[in-house]
């Protein structure tokens, strides 16, 4: 996506010469506030999900068997995969431009976009053998991700290739609301009469901070301008905890044999290409 946008920006810029007219407006003053809207395409090709396990409890009365079970559950809970998704987004932006010279523009921009078709699901299954025992676990995990919205507060530095044609870069703070649902299902090979199945579900939705960087071009024909940009968002990690607790039903009453803390961590990495229009108040 980055290469496509960069090629488009360079292509547009190469077709503009200092002797030609870029627009019908003779007003090339960029200073002042602006407000506008945008729409485009987003892609998340590297949303990394890591699940990790750590021993929570080993029954001290049966340390060998219980320890093997707790350690096997750690292996069940240890996974690494990516959850890719694409879709449509739309929103708005506002900001302020300060034209420092004939060629240099400084600015501040805030933006907000809602995402469409962001639900994605991933499922995995694995078999883990117990050490020193002819038994095994079959574990499965289903994960559903949803990206609700993205926003930025960023600085903008631009170069005026032509008085009303701007090439710019952006960088600053990002935020986004991410939802993650997890469902664990774990079964021991001796069956439910000895070791009841483990089923654990948890879901979490948070607005996470992060950082952003991007680049774009903008064409001014006062009081309007149109733009195309690429924006990259990297958000902080969302952690969804769970406890995989194995009880022994052969005992009366059933006792806790061993347990493992299972954490699912999602780190969102998202890129977007947007076209937009702004109204300039100055």
Protein backbone atom coordinates (compact mmCIF):
# COMPACT_ATOMS: atom_id res chain seq x y z
CA UNK A 1 0.00 0.00 0.00
CA UNK A 2 2.81 2.43 0.89
CA UNK A 3 4.51 1.94 -2.50
CA UNK A 4 1.26 2.57 -4.38
CA UNK A 5 0.56 5.82 -2.53
CA UNK A 6 4.14 7.06 -2.91
CA UNK A 7 4.06 6.33 -6.65
CA UNK A 8 0.77 8.23 -6.98
CA UNK A 9 2.12 11.25 -5.08
CA UNK A 10 5.27 11.38 -7.20
CA UNK A 11 3.24 10.97 -10.38
CA UNK A 12 0.97 13.90 -9.50
CA UNK A 13 3.92 16.07 -8.52
CA UNK A 14 5.85 15.27 -11.69
CA UNK A 15 2.98 16.52 -13.84
CA UNK A 16 3.00 19.95 -12.21
CA UNK A 17 5.42 22.56 -13.54
CA UNK A 18 6.12 26.04 -12.30
CA UNK A 19 4.96 27.49 -15.58
CA UNK A 20 1.58 25.77 -15.58
CA UNK A 21 -1.64 26.53 -13.74
CA UNK A 22 -2.59 24.02 -11.07
CA UNK A 23 -5.99 25.47 -10.27
CA UNK A 24 -8.40 28.22 -11.10
CA UNK A 25 -7.84 30.09 -7.82
CA UNK A 26 -5.25 32.86 -7.61
CA UNK A 27 -5.45 32.89 -3.79
CA UNK A 28 -2.59 30.69 -2.61
CA UNK A 29 -2.57 31.72 1.05
CA UNK A 30 -2.67 28.50 3.12
CA UNK A 31 -2.80 30.24 6.52
CA UNK A 32 -5.73 29.59 8.83
CA UNK A 33 -8.16 26.98 10.06
CA UNK A 34 -9.77 24.27 7.95
CA UNK A 35 -12.43 21.60 8.39
CA UNK A 36 -13.26 18.66 6.17
CA UNK A 37 -14.17 15.05 5.56
CA UNK A 38 -12.51 11.96 4.15
CA UNK A 39 -13.13 8.39 3.04
CA UNK A 40 -10.93 5.54 1.93
CA UNK A 41 -9.53 2.07 2.43
CA UNK A 42 -7.76 0.57 5.43
CA UNK A 43 -5.66 -2.54 5.75
CA UNK A 44 -4.23 -4.41 8.71
CA UNK A 45 -1.77 -6.97 7.40
CA UNK A 46 0.34 -7.38 10.53
CA UNK A 47 -1.97 -7.44 13.54
CA UNK A 48 0.16 -9.65 15.74
CA UNK A 49 -1.55 -11.84 18.35
CA UNK A 50 0.57 -13.60 20.96
CA UNK A 51 -0.87 -15.92 23.60
CA UNK A 52 1.31 -16.84 26.55
CA UNK A 53 0.88 -19.16 29.52
CA UNK A 54 2.40 -19.20 32.98
CA UNK A 55 1.82 -21.65 35.83
CA UNK A 56 -0.68 -20.30 38.33
CA UNK A 57 -1.17 -23.24 40.72
CA UNK A 58 0.13 -26.79 41.29
CA UNK A 59 -1.65 -28.96 43.85
CA UNK A 60 1.01 -29.60 46.53
CA UNK A 61 -0.50 -32.98 47.48
CA UNK A 62 0.10 -34.37 43.97
CA UNK A 63 3.02 -32.28 42.71
CA UNK A 64 4.18 -34.62 39.91
CA UNK A 65 0.85 -35.18 38.17
CA UNK A 66 -0.48 -31.71 38.92
CA UNK A 67 2.78 -30.13 37.80
CA UNK A 68 2.67 -32.00 34.50
CA UNK A 69 -0.87 -30.81 33.90
CA UNK A 70 -0.06 -27.19 34.73
CA UNK A 71 2.99 -27.25 32.44
CA UNK A 72 0.98 -28.84 29.62
CA UNK A 73 -1.60 -26.08 29.94
CA UNK A 74 1.22 -23.54 29.58
CA UNK A 75 2.09 -25.11 26.21
CA UNK A 76 -1.58 -25.12 25.18
CA UNK A 77 -1.74 -21.40 25.98
CA UNK A 78 1.42 -20.47 24.01
CA UNK A 79 0.72 -19.41 20.42
CA UNK A 80 1.70 -16.76 17.87
CA UNK A 81 -0.27 -15.70 14.78
CA UNK A 82 -1.47 -12.71 12.74
CA UNK A 83 -5.02 -11.55 12.13
CA UNK A 84 -5.26 -9.67 8.82
CA UNK A 85 -8.22 -7.56 7.73
CA UNK A 86 -9.24 -4.84 5.29
CA UNK A 87 -12.22 -2.56 4.85
CA UNK A 88 -13.69 0.90 4.35
CA UNK A 89 -13.32 3.93 6.61
CA UNK A 90 -14.75 7.44 6.68
CA UNK A 91 -14.54 10.43 8.96
CA UNK A 92 -13.40 13.99 9.31
CA UNK A 93 -10.47 16.21 10.08
CA UNK A 94 -9.72 19.73 11.26
CA UNK A 95 -6.57 21.73 11.66
CA UNK A 96 -4.56 24.89 11.31
CA UNK A 97 -1.96 25.85 8.69
CA UNK A 98 0.86 28.31 9.12
CA UNK A 99 2.70 29.19 5.92
CA UNK A 100 6.16 30.00 7.20
CA UNK A 101 7.55 30.97 3.80
CA UNK A 102 6.78 30.62 0.11
CA UNK A 103 7.88 26.98 0.26
CA UNK A 104 7.40 25.76 3.85
CA UNK A 105 4.12 25.09 5.65
CA UNK A 106 3.66 24.03 9.28
CA UNK A 107 0.43 22.78 10.76
CA UNK A 108 -1.54 20.81 13.30
CA UNK A 109 -4.19 18.28 12.30
CA UNK A 110 -6.72 16.21 14.25
CA UNK A 111 -8.65 13.40 12.59
CA UNK A 112 -11.22 10.74 13.37
CA UNK A 113 -12.41 7.80 11.25
CA UNK A 114 -14.90 5.01 11.81
CA UNK A 115 -14.09 1.59 10.33
CA UNK A 116 -16.49 -0.69 8.47
CA UNK A 117 -16.18 -4.48 8.11
CA UNK A 118 -13.49 -4.84 10.75
CA UNK A 119 -14.68 -8.07 12.41
CA UNK A 120 -12.21 -10.92 11.89
CA UNK A 121 -12.04 -14.37 13.49
CA UNK A 122 -9.17 -16.82 13.86
CA UNK A 123 -9.29 -20.34 15.30
CA UNK A 124 -6.52 -22.80 16.12
CA UNK A 125 -6.17 -26.23 17.68
CA UNK A 126 -3.15 -28.01 19.09
CA UNK A 127 -2.25 -31.25 20.86
CA UNK A 128 0.16 -31.25 23.81
CA UNK A 129 1.53 -34.45 25.35
CA UNK A 130 2.07 -34.72 29.07
CA UNK A 131 5.59 -35.48 30.29
CA UNK A 132 6.02 -38.94 31.92
CA UNK A 133 2.35 -39.81 31.33
CA UNK A 134 0.60 -41.44 28.35
CA UNK A 135 -1.92 -38.64 28.21
CA UNK A 136 -2.39 -35.48 26.21
CA UNK A 137 -4.41 -32.30 25.94
CA UNK A 138 -6.38 -31.08 22.94
CA UNK A 139 -6.71 -27.32 23.17
CA UNK A 140 -8.50 -24.86 20.92
CA UNK A 141 -8.70 -21.09 20.85
CA UNK A 142 -11.10 -18.86 18.91
CA UNK A 143 -10.29 -15.15 18.65
CA UNK A 144 -12.49 -12.38 17.25
CA UNK A 145 -11.10 -8.89 16.62
CA UNK A 146 -13.02 -5.68 15.93
CA UNK A 147 -11.52 -2.24 15.21
CA UNK A 148 -14.18 0.38 15.97
CA UNK A 149 -12.46 3.68 15.16
CA UNK A 150 -9.10 5.42 14.74
CA UNK A 151 -8.01 8.96 15.51
CA UNK A 152 -4.91 11.13 15.31
CA UNK A 153 -3.45 14.34 16.69
CA UNK A 154 -0.47 15.10 14.50
CA UNK A 155 1.91 17.79 13.34
CA UNK A 156 2.25 18.50 9.64
CA UNK A 157 5.29 19.68 7.71
CA UNK A 158 4.78 20.57 4.07
CA UNK A 159 6.70 21.68 1.00
CA UNK A 160 4.92 23.87 -1.55
CA UNK A 161 5.95 22.33 -4.87
CA UNK A 162 3.65 24.92 -6.46
CA UNK A 163 1.93 27.81 -4.64
CA UNK A 164 -1.29 25.81 -4.41
CA UNK A 165 0.13 22.25 -4.44
CA UNK A 166 1.45 20.88 -1.16
CA UNK A 167 3.52 17.76 -0.47
CA UNK A 168 3.52 16.97 3.25
CA UNK A 169 4.41 14.54 5.98
CA UNK A 170 2.66 13.97 9.29
CA UNK A 171 3.54 12.46 12.65
CA UNK A 172 2.15 12.40 16.15
CA UNK A 173 -0.25 10.65 18.49
CA UNK A 174 -2.82 8.03 17.50
CA UNK A 175 -5.65 6.31 19.32
CA UNK A 176 -8.12 3.60 18.46
CA UNK A 177 -10.83 1.46 20.01
CA UNK A 178 -10.07 -2.25 19.68
CA UNK A 179 -12.23 -5.17 20.80
CA UNK A 180 -10.94 -8.72 21.32
CA UNK A 181 -13.01 -11.79 22.24
CA UNK A 182 -11.30 -15.04 23.26
CA UNK A 183 -12.77 -18.51 23.82
CA UNK A 184 -10.63 -21.37 25.16
CA UNK A 185 -11.67 -25.04 25.08
CA UNK A 186 -9.27 -27.61 26.56
CA UNK A 187 -9.83 -31.37 27.01
CA UNK A 188 -7.65 -33.98 28.73
CA UNK A 189 -7.43 -37.40 27.06
CA UNK A 190 -8.64 -39.35 30.12
CA UNK A 191 -12.04 -37.77 29.60
CA UNK A 192 -14.56 -35.83 31.68
CA UNK A 193 -15.04 -38.49 34.35
CA UNK A 194 -11.50 -37.81 35.52
CA UNK A 195 -10.65 -34.35 34.17
CA UNK A 196 -13.66 -32.16 33.29
CA UNK A 197 -13.31 -30.04 30.14
CA UNK A 198 -11.95 -26.52 30.57
CA UNK A 199 -13.97 -23.76 28.92
CA UNK A 200 -13.09 -20.12 29.43
CA UNK A 201 -14.32 -17.02 27.59
CA UNK A 202 -13.32 -13.41 28.00
CA UNK A 203 -13.70 -10.23 26.00
CA UNK A 204 -12.29 -6.76 26.32
CA UNK A 205 -12.74 -3.51 24.42
CA UNK A 206 -10.47 -0.52 25.05
CA UNK A 207 -9.43 2.77 23.50
CA UNK A 208 -5.66 2.45 23.14
CA UNK A 209 -3.02 5.14 22.58
CA UNK A 210 -0.25 4.85 20.01
CA UNK A 211 1.64 6.75 17.33
CA UNK A 212 1.08 7.70 13.71
CA UNK A 213 3.07 8.77 10.67
CA UNK A 214 2.07 9.50 7.11
CA UNK A 215 2.42 11.50 3.92
CA UNK A 216 0.18 13.09 1.34
CA UNK A 217 -0.48 15.75 -1.26
CA UNK A 218 -3.06 18.55 -1.19
CA UNK A 219 -4.32 20.88 -3.92
CA UNK A 220 -5.69 24.30 -2.88
CA UNK A 221 -8.43 26.15 -4.79
CA UNK A 222 -9.72 28.57 -2.17
CA UNK A 223 -11.81 28.22 -0.16
CA UNK A 224 -11.53 24.47 -0.85
CA UNK A 225 -8.75 21.93 -1.11
CA UNK A 226 -8.61 18.23 -1.96
CA UNK A 227 -6.06 15.74 -0.69
CA UNK A 228 -4.90 12.14 -0.80
CA UNK A 229 -2.84 10.64 1.99
CA UNK A 230 -1.40 7.51 3.50
CA UNK A 231 -1.53 7.15 7.30
CA UNK A 232 0.07 4.47 9.44
CA UNK A 233 -1.27 3.72 12.94
CA UNK A 234 0.55 1.67 15.58
CA UNK A 235 -1.44 1.15 18.78
CA UNK A 236 -0.38 -0.13 22.18
CA UNK A 237 -1.01 -3.75 23.08
CA UNK A 238 -4.43 -4.97 24.26
CA UNK A 239 -4.21 -7.82 26.81
CA UNK A 240 -7.10 -10.21 27.48
CA UNK A 241 -6.44 -12.53 30.46
CA UNK A 242 -7.94 -15.94 31.22
CA UNK A 243 -7.29 -18.78 33.67
CA UNK A 244 -7.20 -22.41 32.50
CA UNK A 245 -8.00 -24.40 35.66
CA UNK A 246 -8.03 -28.20 35.64
CA UNK A 247 -10.04 -30.01 38.29
CA UNK A 248 -9.88 -33.71 39.11
CA UNK A 249 -13.36 -35.26 39.14
CA UNK A 250 -12.05 -38.60 40.44
CA UNK A 251 -11.86 -36.95 43.85
CA UNK A 252 -14.99 -36.16 45.84
CA UNK A 253 -15.49 -33.29 45.82
CA UNK A 254 -13.55 -32.41 42.66
CA UNK A 255 -10.34 -30.63 43.57
CA UNK A 256 -8.20 -28.14 41.70
CA UNK A 257 -5.28 -30.07 40.20
CA UNK A 258 -3.39 -27.31 38.42
CA UNK A 259 -4.00 -24.03 36.63
CA UNK A 260 -2.31 -21.69 34.16
CA UNK A 261 -2.72 -17.99 33.44
CA UNK A 262 -3.36 -17.56 29.70
CA UNK A 263 -2.96 -14.07 28.25
CA UNK A 264 -3.93 -13.05 24.72
CA UNK A 265 -2.12 -9.92 23.50
CA UNK A 266 -3.07 -8.02 20.34
CA UNK A 267 -0.84 -5.32 18.85
CA UNK A 268 -2.66 -3.44 16.09
CA UNK A 269 -0.75 -2.18 13.05
CA UNK A 270 -2.98 -0.43 10.48
CA UNK A 271 -2.49 1.54 7.28
CA UNK A 272 -5.03 3.66 5.42
CA UNK A 273 -5.31 5.46 2.08
CA UNK A 274 -7.85 8.30 2.11
CA UNK A 275 -9.12 11.02 -0.17
CA UNK A 276 -10.52 14.13 1.47
CA UNK A 277 -11.83 17.63 1.02
CA UNK A 278 -11.27 20.64 3.29
CA UNK A 279 -12.94 24.02 3.64
CA UNK A 280 -10.52 26.84 4.53
CA UNK A 281 -11.90 29.64 6.71
CA UNK A 282 -9.16 32.22 6.10
